[in-house]
Amino acid sequence: MQDKVTINERGVITIPAALRRACGLKANDELIIENTDEGILLRPAISVPIEVYTEERIREFADDEEAINQHLPKPEQG
């Protein structure tokens, strides 16, 4: 599929609705833009939120793991 778009004064490009539907793109999706030998390439981006753990949160994980281990079968020693 090919279409013509215009860059406005703020540098914004509107991707035509038919192309967005064909590519499964929706509002607020993120794209990666690259300059390639063949021209500009747009491709979907995946963003994953990152949590920085406090010492307290790390202790919670350890406590949870200890509680879970109490319910798991003990490994056989051989």
PDB file of N, CA and C in Angstrom:
ATOM      1  N   MET A   1       0.854  -1.173   0.000  1.00  0.00           N
ATOM      2  CA  MET A   1       0.000   0.000   0.000  1.00  0.00           C
ATOM      3  C   MET A   1       0.897   1.232   0.000  1.00  0.00           C
ATOM      4  N   GLN A   2       0.523   2.204  -0.770  1.00  0.00           N
ATOM      5  CA  GLN A   2       1.312   3.423  -0.896  1.00  0.00           C
ATOM      6  C   GLN A   2       0.383   4.625  -0.863  1.00  0.00           C
ATOM      7  N   ASP A   3       0.805   5.693  -0.208  1.00  0.00           N
ATOM      8  CA  ASP A   3       0.001   6.904  -0.127  1.00  0.00           C
ATOM      9  C   ASP A   3       0.940   8.087   0.061  1.00  0.00           C
ATOM     10  N   LYS A   4       0.436   9.278  -0.190  1.00  0.00           N
ATOM     11  CA  LYS A   4       1.215  10.497  -0.033  1.00  0.00           C
ATOM     12  C   LYS A   4       0.786  11.184   1.261  1.00  0.00           C
ATOM     13  N   VAL A   5       1.779  11.645   2.052  1.00  0.00           N
ATOM     14  CA  VAL A   5       1.493  12.366   3.288  1.00  0.00           C
ATOM     15  C   VAL A   5       2.259  13.679   3.281  1.00  0.00           C
ATOM     16  N   THR A   6       1.857  14.586   4.152  1.00  0.00           N
ATOM     17  CA  THR A   6       2.501  15.891   4.260  1.00  0.00           C
ATOM     18  C   THR A   6       3.003  16.076   5.683  1.00  0.00           C
ATOM     19  N   ILE A   7       4.168  16.683   5.816  1.00  0.00           N
ATOM     20  CA  ILE A   7       4.718  17.015   7.126  1.00  0.00           C
ATOM     21  C   ILE A   7       4.268  18.440   7.449  1.00  0.00           C
ATOM     22  N   ASN A   8       3.609  18.624   8.602  1.00  0.00           N
ATOM     23  CA  ASN A   8       3.160  19.983   8.929  1.00  0.00           C
ATOM     24  C   ASN A   8       4.296  20.798   9.554  1.00  0.00           C
ATOM     25  N   GLU A   9       4.000  22.023   9.963  1.00  0.00           N
ATOM     26  CA  GLU A   9       5.018  22.936  10.492  1.00  0.00           C
ATOM     27  C   GLU A   9       5.703  22.387  11.742  1.00  0.00           C
ATOM     28  N   ARG A  10       5.000  21.569  12.497  1.00  0.00           N
ATOM     29  CA  ARG A  10       5.556  20.996  13.731  1.00  0.00           C
ATOM     30  C   ARG A  10       6.279  19.680  13.466  1.00  0.00           C
ATOM     31  N   GLY A  11       6.345  19.228  12.224  1.00  0.00           N
ATOM     32  CA  GLY A  11       7.014  17.976  11.889  1.00  0.00           C
ATOM     33  C   GLY A  11       6.117  16.761  12.016  1.00  0.00           C
ATOM     34  N   VAL A  12       4.811  16.975  12.143  1.00  0.00           N
ATOM     35  CA  VAL A  12       3.864  15.877  12.335  1.00  0.00           C
ATOM     36  C   VAL A  12       3.421  15.313  10.990  1.00  0.00           C
ATOM     37  N   ILE A  13       3.410  13.991  10.908  1.00  0.00           N
ATOM     38  CA  ILE A  13       2.925  13.281   9.728  1.00  0.00           C
ATOM     39  C   ILE A  13       1.693  12.492  10.151  1.00  0.00           C
ATOM     40  N   THR A  14       0.630  12.564   9.369  1.00  0.00           N
ATOM     41  CA  THR A  14      -0.560  11.760   9.636  1.00  0.00           C
ATOM     42  C   THR A  14      -0.517  10.534   8.746  1.00  0.00           C
ATOM     43  N   ILE A  15      -0.523   9.361   9.376  1.00  0.00           N
ATOM     44  CA  ILE A  15      -0.557   8.108   8.617  1.00  0.00           C
ATOM     45  C   ILE A  15      -2.007   7.870   8.221  1.00  0.00           C
ATOM     46  N   PRO A  16      -2.280   7.667   6.939  1.00  0.00           N
ATOM     47  CA  PRO A  16      -3.658   7.474   6.494  1.00  0.00           C
ATOM     48  C   PRO A  16      -4.353   6.319   7.236  1.00  0.00           C
ATOM     49  N   ALA A  17      -5.650   6.484   7.497  1.00  0.00           N
ATOM     50  CA  ALA A  17      -6.418   5.515   8.277  1.00  0.00           C
ATOM     51  C   ALA A  17      -6.342   4.107   7.693  1.00  0.00           C
ATOM     52  N   ALA A  18      -6.457   3.979   6.382  1.00  0.00           N
ATOM     53  CA  ALA A  18      -6.421   2.644   5.768  1.00  0.00           C
ATOM     54  C   ALA A  18      -5.095   1.953   6.041  1.00  0.00           C
ATOM     55  N   LEU A  19      -4.001   2.705   6.012  1.00  0.00           N
ATOM     56  CA  LEU A  19      -2.681   2.133   6.280  1.00  0.00           C
ATOM     57  C   LEU A  19      -2.533   1.767   7.759  1.00  0.00           C
ATOM     58  N   ARG A  20      -3.069   2.623   8.639  1.00  0.00           N
ATOM     59  CA  ARG A  20      -3.036   2.305  10.078  1.00  0.00           C
ATOM     60  C   ARG A  20      -3.809   1.021  10.358  1.00  0.00           C
ATOM     61  N   ARG A  21      -4.987   0.891   9.748  1.00  0.00           N
ATOM     62  CA  ARG A  21      -5.779  -0.335   9.939  1.00  0.00           C
ATOM     63  C   ARG A  21      -5.035  -1.551   9.404  1.00  0.00           C
ATOM     64  N   ALA A  22      -4.464  -1.422   8.210  1.00  0.00           N
ATOM     65  CA  ALA A  22      -3.755  -2.545   7.577  1.00  0.00           C
ATOM     66  C   ALA A  22      -2.564  -2.990   8.424  1.00  0.00           C
ATOM     67  N   CYS A  23      -1.952  -2.056   9.134  1.00  0.00           N
ATOM     68  CA  CYS A  23      -0.771  -2.376   9.959  1.00  0.00           C
ATOM     69  C   CYS A  23      -1.121  -2.619  11.415  1.00  0.00           C
ATOM     70  N   GLY A  24      -2.404  -2.493  11.763  1.00  0.00           N
ATOM     71  CA  GLY A  24      -2.828  -2.715  13.144  1.00  0.00           C
ATOM     72  C   GLY A  24      -2.389  -1.625  14.094  1.00  0.00           C
ATOM     73  N   LEU A  25      -2.209  -0.406  13.597  1.00  0.00           N
ATOM     74  CA  LEU A  25      -1.776   0.716  14.433  1.00  0.00           C
ATOM     75  C   LEU A  25      -2.984   1.452  14.986  1.00  0.00           C
ATOM     76  N   LYS A  26      -2.866   1.921  16.215  1.00  0.00           N
ATOM     77  CA  LYS A  26      -3.941   2.702  16.816  1.00  0.00           C
ATOM     78  C   LYS A  26      -3.356   3.913  17.538  1.00  0.00           C
ATOM     79  N   ALA A  27      -4.221   4.792  18.006  1.00  0.00           N
ATOM     80  CA  ALA A  27      -3.789   6.018  18.677  1.00  0.00           C
ATOM     81  C   ALA A  27      -2.838   5.695  19.825  1.00  0.00           C
ATOM     82  N   ASN A  28      -1.810   6.472  19.963  1.00  0.00           N
ATOM     83  CA  ASN A  28      -0.793   6.381  21.021  1.00  0.00           C
ATOM     84  C   ASN A  28       0.166   5.200  20.883  1.00  0.00           C
ATOM     85  N   ASP A  29       0.073   4.431  19.794  1.00  0.00           N
ATOM     86  CA  ASP A  29       1.096   3.418  19.534  1.00  0.00           C
ATOM     87  C   ASP A  29       2.415   4.137  19.282  1.00  0.00           C
ATOM     88  N   GLU A  30       3.501   3.505  19.642  1.00  0.00           N
ATOM     89  CA  GLU A  30       4.817   4.092  19.422  1.00  0.00           C
ATOM     90  C   GLU A  30       5.471   3.430  18.216  1.00  0.00           C
ATOM     91  N   LEU A  31       6.212   4.225  17.461  1.00  0.00           N
ATOM     92  CA  LEU A  31       6.925   3.737  16.290  1.00  0.00           C
ATOM     93  C   LEU A  31       8.394   4.096  16.408  1.00  0.00           C
ATOM     94  N   ILE A  32       9.220   3.293  15.780  1.00  0.00           N
ATOM     95  CA  ILE A  32      10.644   3.605  15.641  1.00  0.00           C
ATOM     96  C   ILE A  32      10.818   4.122  14.218  1.00  0.00           C
ATOM     97  N   ILE A  33      11.536   5.216  14.059  1.00  0.00           N
ATOM     98  CA  ILE A  33      11.797   5.765  12.731  1.00  0.00           C
ATOM     99  C   ILE A  33      13.293   5.663  12.461  1.00  0.00           C
ATOM    100  N   GLU A  34      13.632   5.155  11.286  1.00  0.00           N
ATOM    101  CA  GLU A  34      15.034   4.966  10.916  1.00  0.00           C
ATOM    102  C   GLU A  34      15.286   5.533   9.532  1.00  0.00           C
ATOM    103  N   ASN A  35      16.484   6.019   9.333  1.00  0.00           N
ATOM    104  CA  ASN A  35      16.935   6.428   8.010  1.00  0.00           C
ATOM    105  C   ASN A  35      17.695   5.238   7.420  1.00  0.00           C
ATOM    106  N   THR A  36      17.224   4.709   6.297  1.00  0.00           N
ATOM    107  CA  THR A  36      17.875   3.568   5.656  1.00  0.00           C
ATOM    108  C   THR A  36      18.333   3.965   4.259  1.00  0.00           C
ATOM    109  N   ASP A  37      19.084   3.088   3.609  1.00  0.00           N
ATOM    110  CA  ASP A  37      19.526   3.362   2.239  1.00  0.00           C
ATOM    111  C   ASP A  37      18.344   3.523   1.286  1.00  0.00           C
ATOM    112  N   GLU A  38      17.234   2.870   1.609  1.00  0.00           N
ATOM    113  CA  GLU A  38      16.051   2.933   0.749  1.00  0.00           C
ATOM    114  C   GLU A  38      15.117   4.078   1.109  1.00  0.00           C
ATOM    115  N   GLY A  39      15.355   4.766   2.231  1.00  0.00           N
ATOM    116  CA  GLY A  39      14.498   5.872   2.656  1.00  0.00           C
ATOM    117  C   GLY A  39      14.151   5.745   4.122  1.00  0.00           C
ATOM    118  N   ILE A  40      13.077   6.382   4.520  1.00  0.00           N
ATOM    119  CA  ILE A  40      12.645   6.376   5.915  1.00  0.00           C
ATOM    120  C   ILE A  40      11.864   5.095   6.189  1.00  0.00           C
ATOM    121  N   LEU A  41      12.165   4.456   7.302  1.00  0.00           N
ATOM    122  CA  LEU A  41      11.480   3.233   7.713  1.00  0.00           C
ATOM    123  C   LEU A  41      10.800   3.480   9.043  1.00  0.00           C
ATOM    124  N   LEU A  42       9.510   3.185   9.120  1.00  0.00           N
ATOM    125  CA  LEU A  42       8.754   3.238  10.372  1.00  0.00           C
ATOM    126  C   LEU A  42       8.402   1.811  10.754  1.00  0.00           C
ATOM    127  N   ARG A  43       8.605   1.473  12.019  1.00  0.00           N
ATOM    128  CA  ARG A  43       8.209   0.150  12.481  1.00  0.00           C
ATOM    129  C   ARG A  43       7.715   0.245  13.915  1.00  0.00           C
ATOM    130  N   PRO A  44       6.841  -0.682  14.300  1.00  0.00           N
ATOM    131  CA  PRO A  44       6.280  -0.627  15.650  1.00  0.00           C
ATOM    132  C   PRO A  44       7.374  -0.761  16.714  1.00  0.00           C
ATOM    133  N   ALA A  45       7.167  -0.067  17.814  1.00  0.00           N
ATOM    134  CA  ALA A  45       8.077  -0.145  18.964  1.00  0.00           C
ATOM    135  C   ALA A  45       7.323  -0.759  20.133  1.00  0.00           C
ATOM    136  N   ILE A  46       8.055  -1.421  20.988  1.00  0.00           N
ATOM    137  CA  ILE A  46       7.463  -1.979  22.203  1.00  0.00           C
ATOM    138  C   ILE A  46       8.154  -1.313  23.382  1.00  0.00           C
ATOM    139  N   SER A  47       7.367  -0.711  24.240  1.00  0.00           N
ATOM    140  CA  SER A  47       7.901  -0.087  25.453  1.00  0.00           C
ATOM    141  C   SER A  47       7.420  -0.881  26.650  1.00  0.00           C
ATOM    142  N   VAL A  48       8.335  -1.190  27.530  1.00  0.00           N
ATOM    143  CA  VAL A  48       8.016  -1.949  28.734  1.00  0.00           C
ATOM    144  C   VAL A  48       8.376  -1.086  29.936  1.00  0.00           C
ATOM    145  N   PRO A  49       7.409  -0.852  30.820  1.00  0.00           N
ATOM    146  CA  PRO A  49       7.737  -0.057  31.998  1.00  0.00           C
ATOM    147  C   PRO A  49       8.740  -0.791  32.883  1.00  0.00           C
ATOM    148  N   ILE A  50       9.620  -0.042  33.475  1.00  0.00           N
ATOM    149  CA  ILE A  50      10.643  -0.618  34.338  1.00  0.00           C
ATOM    150  C   ILE A  50      10.406  -0.122  35.759  1.00  0.00           C
ATOM    151  N   GLU A  51      10.424  -1.057  36.701  1.00  0.00           N
ATOM    152  CA  GLU A  51      10.274  -0.694  38.105  1.00  0.00           C
ATOM    153  C   GLU A  51      11.638  -0.790  38.774  1.00  0.00           C
ATOM    154  N   VAL A  52      12.031   0.253  39.454  1.00  0.00           N
ATOM    155  CA  VAL A  52      13.278   0.228  40.225  1.00  0.00           C
ATOM    156  C   VAL A  52      12.878  -0.180  41.640  1.00  0.00           C
ATOM    157  N   TYR A  53      13.428  -1.305  42.095  1.00  0.00           N
ATOM    158  CA  TYR A  53      13.025  -1.863  43.375  1.00  0.00           C
ATOM    159  C   TYR A  53      13.768  -1.228  44.538  1.00  0.00           C
ATOM    160  N   THR A  54      13.004  -0.873  45.547  1.00  0.00           N
ATOM    161  CA  THR A  54      13.591  -0.395  46.798  1.00  0.00           C
ATOM    162  C   THR A  54      14.038  -1.613  47.601  1.00  0.00           C
ATOM    163  N   GLU A  55      14.855  -1.384  48.622  1.00  0.00           N
ATOM    164  CA  GLU A  55      15.284  -2.487  49.493  1.00  0.00           C
ATOM    165  C   GLU A  55      14.064  -3.144  50.146  1.00  0.00           C
ATOM    166  N   GLU A  56      13.079  -2.341  50.500  1.00  0.00           N
ATOM    167  CA  GLU A  56      11.856  -2.879  51.117  1.00  0.00           C
ATOM    168  C   GLU A  56      11.131  -3.814  50.148  1.00  0.00           C
ATOM    169  N   ARG A  57      11.033  -3.419  48.880  1.00  0.00           N
ATOM    170  CA  ARG A  57      10.353  -4.244  47.877  1.00  0.00           C
ATOM    171  C   ARG A  57      11.130  -5.546  47.639  1.00  0.00           C
ATOM    172  N   ILE A  58      12.438  -5.481  47.646  1.00  0.00           N
ATOM    173  CA  ILE A  58      13.268  -6.675  47.471  1.00  0.00           C
ATOM    174  C   ILE A  58      13.033  -7.643  48.630  1.00  0.00           C
ATOM    175  N   ARG A  59      12.917  -7.115  49.862  1.00  0.00           N
ATOM    176  CA  ARG A  59      12.627  -7.967  51.024  1.00  0.00           C
ATOM    177  C   ARG A  59      11.258  -8.632  50.874  1.00  0.00           C
ATOM    178  N   GLU A  60      10.283  -7.895  50.322  1.00  0.00           N
ATOM    179  CA  GLU A  60       8.958  -8.483  50.086  1.00  0.00           C
ATOM    180  C   GLU A  60       9.068  -9.677  49.147  1.00  0.00           C
ATOM    181  N   PHE A  61       9.858  -9.542  48.079  1.00  0.00           N
ATOM    182  CA  PHE A  61      10.053 -10.658  47.155  1.00  0.00           C
ATOM    183  C   PHE A  61      10.655 -11.856  47.884  1.00  0.00           C
ATOM    184  N   ALA A  62      11.664 -11.605  48.702  1.00  0.00           N
ATOM    185  CA  ALA A  62      12.327 -12.687  49.428  1.00  0.00           C
ATOM    186  C   ALA A  62      11.346 -13.362  50.380  1.00  0.00           C
ATOM    187  N   ASP A  63      10.541 -12.563  51.093  1.00  0.00           N
ATOM    188  CA  ASP A  63       9.544 -13.125  52.017  1.00  0.00           C
ATOM    189  C   ASP A  63       8.523 -13.961  51.250  1.00  0.00           C
ATOM    190  N   ASP A  64       8.064 -13.462  50.119  1.00  0.00           N
ATOM    191  CA  ASP A  64       7.098 -14.200  49.304  1.00  0.00           C
ATOM    192  C   ASP A  64       7.697 -15.516  48.823  1.00  0.00           C
ATOM    193  N   GLU A  65       8.959 -15.480  48.426  1.00  0.00           N
ATOM    194  CA  GLU A  65       9.618 -16.691  47.940  1.00  0.00           C
ATOM    195  C   GLU A  65       9.730 -17.731  49.054  1.00  0.00           C
ATOM    196  N   GLU A  66      10.057 -17.276  50.264  1.00  0.00           N
ATOM    197  CA  GLU A  66      10.132 -18.199  51.396  1.00  0.00           C
ATOM    198  C   GLU A  66       8.771 -18.828  51.669  1.00  0.00           C
ATOM    199  N   ALA A  67       7.702 -18.028  51.607  1.00  0.00           N
ATOM    200  CA  ALA A  67       6.352 -18.545  51.851  1.00  0.00           C
ATOM    201  C   ALA A  67       5.955 -19.554  50.768  1.00  0.00           C
ATOM    202  N   ILE A  68       6.298 -19.287  49.540  1.00  0.00           N
ATOM    203  CA  ILE A  68       5.981 -20.200  48.439  1.00  0.00           C
ATOM    204  C   ILE A  68       6.759 -21.506  48.596  1.00  0.00           C
ATOM    205  N   ASN A  69       8.034 -21.404  48.967  1.00  0.00           N
ATOM    206  CA  ASN A  69       8.871 -22.594  49.123  1.00  0.00           C
ATOM    207  C   ASN A  69       8.334 -23.552  50.182  1.00  0.00           C
ATOM    208  N   GLN A  70       7.608 -23.037  51.163  1.00  0.00           N
ATOM    209  CA  GLN A  70       7.034 -23.903  52.192  1.00  0.00           C
ATOM    210  C   GLN A  70       5.984 -24.834  51.612  1.00  0.00           C
ATOM    211  N   HIS A  71       5.390 -24.468  50.471  1.00  0.00           N
ATOM    212  CA  HIS A  71       4.316 -25.258  49.865  1.00  0.00           C
ATOM    213  C   HIS A  71       4.806 -26.140  48.713  1.00  0.00           C
ATOM    214  N   LEU A  72       6.070 -26.010  48.352  1.00  0.00           N
ATOM    215  CA  LEU A  72       6.603 -26.803  47.245  1.00  0.00           C
ATOM    216  C   LEU A  72       7.236 -28.078  47.772  1.00  0.00           C
ATOM    217  N   PRO A  73       7.167 -29.145  46.964  1.00  0.00           N
ATOM    218  CA  PRO A  73       7.822 -30.387  47.405  1.00  0.00           C
ATOM    219  C   PRO A  73       9.325 -30.190  47.498  1.00  0.00           C
ATOM    220  N   LYS A  74       9.916 -30.857  48.468  1.00  0.00           N
ATOM    221  CA  LYS A  74      11.368 -30.774  48.649  1.00  0.00           C
ATOM    222  C   LYS A  74      12.063 -31.625  47.588  1.00  0.00           C
ATOM    223  N   PRO A  75      13.140 -31.129  46.992  1.00  0.00           N
ATOM    224  CA  PRO A  75      13.863 -31.932  45.983  1.00  0.00           C
ATOM    225  C   PRO A  75      14.498 -33.158  46.630  1.00  0.00           C
ATOM    226  N   GLU A  76      14.488 -34.249  45.861  1.00  0.00           N
ATOM    227  CA  GLU A  76      15.104 -35.475  46.370  1.00  0.00           C
ATOM    228  C   GLU A  76      16.616 -35.329  46.344  1.00  0.00           C
ATOM    229  N   GLN A  77      17.267 -35.788  47.388  1.00  0.00           N
ATOM    230  CA  GLN A  77      18.725 -35.725  47.448  1.00  0.00           C
ATOM    231  C   GLN A  77      19.283 -37.103  47.116  1.00  0.00           C
ATOM    232  N   GLY A  78      20.250 -37.125  46.233  1.00  0.00           N
ATOM    233  CA  GLY A  78      20.716 -38.426  45.828  1.00  0.00           C
ATOM    234  C   GLY A  78      22.177 -38.617  45.830  1.00  0.00           C
TER     235      GLY A  78
END
